[in-house]
Structure formats: C-alpha cells, structure tokens
N, C-alpha and C. Protein backbone atom coordinates (compact mmCIF):
# COMPACT_ATOMS: atom_id res chain seq x y z
N ILE A 1 0.85 -1.16 0.01
CA ILE A 1 0.00 0.01 0.00
C ILE A 1 0.89 1.23 -0.01
N THR A 2 0.61 2.12 -0.91
CA THR A 2 1.32 3.39 -0.93
C THR A 2 0.45 4.50 -0.39
N ILE A 3 1.08 5.36 0.36
CA ILE A 3 0.36 6.50 0.94
C ILE A 3 0.84 7.74 0.22
N PRO A 4 -0.06 8.57 -0.29
CA PRO A 4 0.35 9.80 -0.95
C PRO A 4 1.11 10.70 0.06
N VAL A 5 2.01 11.51 -0.47
CA VAL A 5 2.83 12.39 0.36
C VAL A 5 1.95 13.32 1.17
N SER A 6 0.91 13.86 0.57
CA SER A 6 0.05 14.78 1.30
C SER A 6 -0.63 14.13 2.51
N VAL A 7 -1.05 12.88 2.37
CA VAL A 7 -1.66 12.14 3.46
C VAL A 7 -0.61 11.84 4.54
N ALA A 8 0.58 11.44 4.11
CA ALA A 8 1.66 11.17 5.06
C ALA A 8 2.04 12.42 5.84
N GLU A 9 2.11 13.56 5.18
CA GLU A 9 2.41 14.82 5.86
C GLU A 9 1.31 15.17 6.86
N LEU A 10 0.05 14.97 6.49
CA LEU A 10 -1.05 15.29 7.38
C LEU A 10 -1.04 14.34 8.62
N ILE A 11 -0.80 13.09 8.39
CA ILE A 11 -0.72 12.13 9.50
C ILE A 11 0.47 12.48 10.40
N GLY A 12 1.60 12.81 9.78
CA GLY A 12 2.78 13.18 10.54
C GLY A 12 2.55 14.43 11.39
N THR A 13 1.88 15.40 10.84
CA THR A 13 1.56 16.64 11.58
C THR A 13 0.65 16.33 12.73
N PHE A 14 -0.32 15.49 12.51
CA PHE A 14 -1.25 15.09 13.59
C PHE A 14 -0.50 14.39 14.72
N LEU A 15 0.37 13.46 14.38
CA LEU A 15 1.15 12.74 15.40
C LEU A 15 2.12 13.66 16.14
N GLU A 16 2.73 14.60 15.42
CA GLU A 16 3.60 15.57 16.04
C GLU A 16 2.85 16.44 17.04
N THR A 17 1.65 16.83 16.66
CA THR A 17 0.81 17.66 17.55
C THR A 17 0.46 16.87 18.82
N PHE A 18 0.13 15.61 18.67
CA PHE A 18 -0.15 14.76 19.83
C PHE A 18 1.10 14.62 20.71
N GLY A 19 2.23 14.35 20.09
CA GLY A 19 3.47 14.21 20.83
C GLY A 19 3.88 15.51 21.53
N TYR A 20 3.62 16.63 20.87
CA TYR A 20 3.95 17.94 21.46
C TYR A 20 3.08 18.19 22.69
N GLY A 21 1.85 17.78 22.64
CA GLY A 21 0.97 17.93 23.82
C GLY A 21 1.53 17.16 25.02
N VAL A 22 1.99 15.97 24.79
CA VAL A 22 2.62 15.18 25.85
C VAL A 22 3.89 15.89 26.34
N TYR A 23 4.68 16.40 25.42
CA TYR A 23 5.92 17.09 25.74
C TYR A 23 5.68 18.34 26.58
N VAL A 24 4.65 19.07 26.26
CA VAL A 24 4.33 20.31 27.00
C VAL A 24 3.92 19.97 28.46
N VAL A 25 3.32 18.84 28.65
CA VAL A 25 2.93 18.42 30.01
C VAL A 25 4.18 17.97 30.79
N ILE A 26 5.08 17.24 30.12
CA ILE A 26 6.27 16.70 30.80
C ILE A 26 7.32 17.79 31.04
N PHE A 27 7.45 18.74 30.14
CA PHE A 27 8.52 19.74 30.21
C PHE A 27 8.62 20.46 31.55
N PRO A 28 7.54 21.05 32.07
CA PRO A 28 7.66 21.74 33.37
C PRO A 28 8.01 20.79 34.52
N LYS A 29 7.51 19.56 34.47
CA LYS A 29 7.84 18.59 35.50
C LYS A 29 9.31 18.25 35.46
N CYS A 30 9.87 18.13 34.27
CA CYS A 30 11.30 17.88 34.10
C CYS A 30 12.12 19.05 34.64
N LEU A 31 11.68 20.27 34.39
CA LEU A 31 12.35 21.43 34.95
C LEU A 31 12.37 21.39 36.47
N ASP A 32 11.25 21.06 37.09
CA ASP A 32 11.16 20.97 38.53
C ASP A 32 12.10 19.90 39.09
N ILE A 33 12.12 18.76 38.44
CA ILE A 33 13.00 17.67 38.90
C ILE A 33 14.46 18.10 38.78
N LEU A 34 14.80 18.72 37.66
CA LEU A 34 16.17 19.12 37.42
C LEU A 34 16.61 20.17 38.44
N ARG A 35 15.73 21.09 38.77
CA ARG A 35 16.09 22.14 39.74
C ARG A 35 16.27 21.55 41.14
N GLY A 36 15.61 20.42 41.44
CA GLY A 36 15.73 19.82 42.74
C GLY A 36 16.99 18.96 42.90
N LYS A 37 17.69 18.70 41.81
CA LYS A 37 18.89 17.88 41.87
C LYS A 37 20.09 18.73 42.35
N ASP A 38 21.01 18.04 43.01
CA ASP A 38 22.24 18.68 43.44
C ASP A 38 23.28 18.42 42.38
N VAL A 39 23.39 19.36 41.43
CA VAL A 39 24.28 19.22 40.29
C VAL A 39 25.18 20.46 40.24
N LYS A 40 26.39 20.27 39.71
CA LYS A 40 27.31 21.41 39.55
C LYS A 40 26.63 22.52 38.76
N ARG A 41 26.99 23.74 39.09
CA ARG A 41 26.36 24.90 38.47
C ARG A 41 26.55 24.92 36.95
N GLY A 42 27.75 24.59 36.47
CA GLY A 42 28.01 24.59 35.04
C GLY A 42 27.18 23.54 34.30
N LEU A 43 27.10 22.35 34.91
CA LEU A 43 26.29 21.28 34.31
C LEU A 43 24.81 21.65 34.32
N MET A 44 24.36 22.25 35.41
CA MET A 44 22.96 22.65 35.48
C MET A 44 22.62 23.65 34.40
N SER A 45 23.50 24.63 34.21
CA SER A 45 23.27 25.63 33.16
C SER A 45 23.21 24.99 31.80
N TYR A 46 24.11 24.05 31.55
CA TYR A 46 24.16 23.32 30.29
C TYR A 46 22.85 22.55 30.04
N LEU A 47 22.40 21.83 31.08
CA LEU A 47 21.16 21.04 30.92
C LEU A 47 19.95 21.94 30.73
N LEU A 48 19.85 23.00 31.49
CA LEU A 48 18.72 23.92 31.34
C LEU A 48 18.72 24.60 29.98
N ALA A 49 19.89 25.03 29.53
CA ALA A 49 19.99 25.65 28.20
C ALA A 49 19.59 24.67 27.10
N THR A 50 20.04 23.43 27.24
CA THR A 50 19.70 22.40 26.27
C THR A 50 18.18 22.15 26.25
N MET A 51 17.58 22.10 27.42
CA MET A 51 16.11 21.88 27.49
C MET A 51 15.35 23.02 26.83
N TRP A 52 15.74 24.27 27.14
CA TRP A 52 15.01 25.41 26.60
C TRP A 52 15.22 25.55 25.10
N ILE A 53 16.43 25.31 24.63
CA ILE A 53 16.68 25.40 23.17
C ILE A 53 15.89 24.31 22.45
N SER A 54 15.85 23.11 23.04
CA SER A 54 15.07 22.03 22.45
C SER A 54 13.60 22.39 22.38
N PHE A 55 13.09 22.97 23.46
CA PHE A 55 11.68 23.36 23.51
C PHE A 55 11.38 24.38 22.40
N VAL A 56 12.23 25.34 22.22
CA VAL A 56 12.03 26.37 21.19
C VAL A 56 12.07 25.73 19.79
N LEU A 57 13.06 24.89 19.54
CA LEU A 57 13.20 24.25 18.23
C LEU A 57 12.00 23.36 17.92
N ILE A 58 11.58 22.60 18.89
CA ILE A 58 10.42 21.69 18.69
C ILE A 58 9.16 22.50 18.44
N THR A 59 9.00 23.61 19.17
CA THR A 59 7.82 24.47 18.98
C THR A 59 7.83 25.09 17.60
N VAL A 60 8.96 25.61 17.16
CA VAL A 60 9.04 26.18 15.82
C VAL A 60 8.76 25.15 14.77
N HIS A 61 9.31 23.96 14.95
CA HIS A 61 9.07 22.87 13.97
C HIS A 61 7.58 22.57 13.85
N LEU A 62 6.91 22.48 14.99
CA LEU A 62 5.47 22.19 14.97
C LEU A 62 4.67 23.32 14.30
N ILE A 63 4.99 24.55 14.65
CA ILE A 63 4.27 25.68 14.06
C ILE A 63 4.46 25.70 12.54
N VAL A 64 5.68 25.44 12.08
CA VAL A 64 5.93 25.41 10.63
C VAL A 64 5.16 24.27 9.98
N ASP A 65 5.11 23.09 10.62
CA ASP A 65 4.33 21.99 10.07
C ASP A 65 2.84 22.30 10.00
N LEU A 66 2.32 22.96 11.02
CA LEU A 66 0.90 23.34 11.00
C LEU A 66 0.61 24.36 9.91
N ILE A 67 1.48 25.33 9.73
CA ILE A 67 1.30 26.33 8.67
C ILE A 67 1.33 25.64 7.30
N ARG A 68 2.29 24.71 7.12
CA ARG A 68 2.41 24.01 5.85
C ARG A 68 1.13 23.18 5.59
N ALA A 69 0.61 22.50 6.61
CA ALA A 69 -0.58 21.67 6.44
C ALA A 69 -1.80 22.54 6.08
N PHE A 70 -1.99 23.65 6.80
CA PHE A 70 -3.10 24.53 6.51
C PHE A 70 -2.98 25.08 5.10
N THR A 71 -1.78 25.50 4.72
CA THR A 71 -1.60 26.05 3.38
C THR A 71 -1.83 25.02 2.31
N ALA A 72 -1.32 23.78 2.51
CA ALA A 72 -1.47 22.73 1.51
C ALA A 72 -2.92 22.35 1.30
N PHE A 73 -3.66 22.24 2.39
CA PHE A 73 -5.00 21.72 2.28
C PHE A 73 -6.08 22.78 2.11
N THR A 74 -5.74 24.04 2.31
CA THR A 74 -6.75 25.10 2.15
C THR A 74 -6.33 26.17 1.16
N GLY A 75 -5.10 26.14 0.72
CA GLY A 75 -4.58 27.20 -0.16
C GLY A 75 -5.24 27.25 -1.52
N SER A 76 -5.39 26.14 -2.17
CA SER A 76 -5.97 26.08 -3.52
C SER A 76 -6.96 24.94 -3.57
N MET A 77 -8.04 25.08 -2.85
CA MET A 77 -9.00 23.98 -2.76
C MET A 77 -9.71 23.72 -4.08
N ASP A 78 -9.74 24.69 -4.96
CA ASP A 78 -10.44 24.51 -6.23
C ASP A 78 -9.61 23.74 -7.24
N LEU A 79 -8.31 23.55 -7.00
CA LEU A 79 -7.46 22.80 -7.92
C LEU A 79 -7.31 21.38 -7.44
N PRO A 80 -7.55 20.39 -8.31
CA PRO A 80 -7.37 19.01 -7.88
C PRO A 80 -5.88 18.69 -7.66
N GLY A 81 -5.59 17.93 -6.60
CA GLY A 81 -4.22 17.55 -6.30
C GLY A 81 -3.33 18.67 -5.80
N SER A 82 -3.93 19.73 -5.28
CA SER A 82 -3.10 20.87 -4.83
C SER A 82 -2.22 20.52 -3.61
N PRO A 83 -2.66 19.69 -2.67
CA PRO A 83 -1.73 19.36 -1.58
C PRO A 83 -0.49 18.61 -2.06
N GLU A 84 -0.64 17.73 -3.05
CA GLU A 84 0.50 17.02 -3.59
C GLU A 84 1.45 17.99 -4.29
N LYS A 85 0.88 18.94 -5.02
CA LYS A 85 1.72 19.94 -5.71
C LYS A 85 2.43 20.83 -4.69
N TYR A 86 1.73 21.17 -3.60
CA TYR A 86 2.35 22.03 -2.57
C TYR A 86 3.52 21.30 -1.92
N TYR A 87 3.33 20.06 -1.53
CA TYR A 87 4.39 19.32 -0.85
C TYR A 87 5.53 18.90 -1.81
N ALA A 88 5.27 18.95 -3.11
CA ALA A 88 6.32 18.61 -4.06
C ALA A 88 7.40 19.68 -4.14
N LYS A 89 7.03 20.90 -3.73
CA LYS A 89 8.02 22.00 -3.75
C LYS A 89 8.92 21.87 -2.52
N GLY A 90 10.17 21.56 -2.74
CA GLY A 90 11.10 21.35 -1.64
C GLY A 90 11.95 22.54 -1.28
N ASN A 91 11.87 23.59 -2.07
CA ASN A 91 12.74 24.74 -1.84
C ASN A 91 12.04 25.97 -1.28
N THR A 92 10.92 25.76 -0.59
CA THR A 92 10.22 26.89 0.00
C THR A 92 10.86 27.23 1.35
N VAL A 93 10.58 28.44 1.80
CA VAL A 93 11.15 28.89 3.09
C VAL A 93 10.65 28.01 4.23
N LEU A 94 9.38 27.65 4.20
CA LEU A 94 8.83 26.82 5.27
C LEU A 94 9.44 25.41 5.30
N THR A 95 9.65 24.83 4.14
CA THR A 95 10.26 23.50 4.06
C THR A 95 11.70 23.56 4.58
N ILE A 96 12.44 24.56 4.17
CA ILE A 96 13.81 24.70 4.62
C ILE A 96 13.87 24.97 6.12
N THR A 97 12.96 25.77 6.63
CA THR A 97 12.90 26.04 8.06
C THR A 97 12.59 24.75 8.83
N LYS A 98 11.64 23.98 8.33
CA LYS A 98 11.29 22.71 8.96
C LYS A 98 12.49 21.80 9.04
N MET A 99 13.21 21.66 7.94
CA MET A 99 14.38 20.79 7.94
C MET A 99 15.49 21.33 8.83
N ALA A 100 15.68 22.62 8.84
CA ALA A 100 16.73 23.24 9.66
C ALA A 100 16.44 23.02 11.15
N THR A 101 15.21 23.17 11.55
CA THR A 101 14.88 22.96 12.96
C THR A 101 15.02 21.47 13.33
N TYR A 102 14.64 20.60 12.43
CA TYR A 102 14.78 19.17 12.67
C TYR A 102 16.24 18.77 12.82
N VAL A 103 17.06 19.22 11.90
CA VAL A 103 18.49 18.89 11.97
C VAL A 103 19.16 19.52 13.20
N SER A 104 18.78 20.75 13.54
CA SER A 104 19.33 21.40 14.71
C SER A 104 18.94 20.66 15.99
N GLU A 105 17.72 20.24 16.08
CA GLU A 105 17.28 19.48 17.27
C GLU A 105 17.99 18.14 17.37
N THR A 106 18.18 17.47 16.24
CA THR A 106 18.90 16.22 16.23
C THR A 106 20.34 16.40 16.69
N LEU A 107 21.02 17.41 16.18
CA LEU A 107 22.38 17.68 16.57
C LEU A 107 22.49 18.05 18.04
N LEU A 108 21.54 18.85 18.54
CA LEU A 108 21.51 19.23 19.95
C LEU A 108 21.31 17.99 20.84
N SER A 109 20.38 17.14 20.46
CA SER A 109 20.13 15.93 21.24
C SER A 109 21.33 14.98 21.24
N ASP A 110 21.95 14.83 20.08
CA ASP A 110 23.14 14.00 19.98
C ASP A 110 24.28 14.54 20.84
N THR A 111 24.45 15.86 20.83
CA THR A 111 25.49 16.48 21.62
C THR A 111 25.23 16.25 23.11
N LEU A 112 23.96 16.34 23.51
CA LEU A 112 23.61 16.11 24.92
C LEU A 112 23.93 14.67 25.31
N LEU A 113 23.65 13.72 24.43
CA LEU A 113 23.91 12.32 24.75
C LEU A 113 25.40 12.00 24.77
N VAL A 114 26.18 12.63 23.91
CA VAL A 114 27.61 12.36 23.87
C VAL A 114 28.32 12.95 25.07
N ASN A 115 27.88 14.14 25.50
CA ASN A 115 28.53 14.79 26.65
C ASN A 115 28.01 14.17 27.87
C-alpha cells in the first residue's frame, strides 16, 4: 500500500501535535525535577539551556508543520491535487525552516547524549 505524500504529511503533523501535547505536560515537571537535583552549576546551566533550546526548536518545527498543512489543504482547494503539488516543492522557506529545525534538534540531542 502506498500512501500519498500529502496524506503522510497530514498524519505526521497530527502525530507531532499529539506528541507535542505530551511534551508540554512533561517539560515543566522535568524542569522541577532538574532544579531539585544537586548538580554542579556549570552542568545545570548546560542542561537547562539544552532543554530550553530544544523546547524552542520543537515548537518552531510544529508551528511550521501546521502552517504548511493549513496552506497545503486550504490554499488552492479549487485545484485538484493541490496538496500534492504544494508538498512537491522542496525549496520553500517553510520547508527549509522545517528541515533546519529538525536537523538542529537532532544535533543538539546527539550532543547532549555524547557529553
């Protein structure tokens, strides 16, 4: 079974939104736990900075995905196949921003795991 790109993007955006909701609930609890730990000041600053930068990158990624989904599915409703045509364009500012935030978050997470 093949899934069209537009359907895969819509499902992916839905799952990201669900995951983000879970993340928003866990994030403040994680901050509270981290503040309660007895950790060196430098390490604490590093962990807090990593958490906040991750939160911002994940939020930007989700916002960009939502904008792309709304634009793809409501931008040209009178044209058949318009979501497929929208997602076929890989050089738009929103697509590049989405990829940049994804790569940045991956690099940040990998750096946190290595250190």
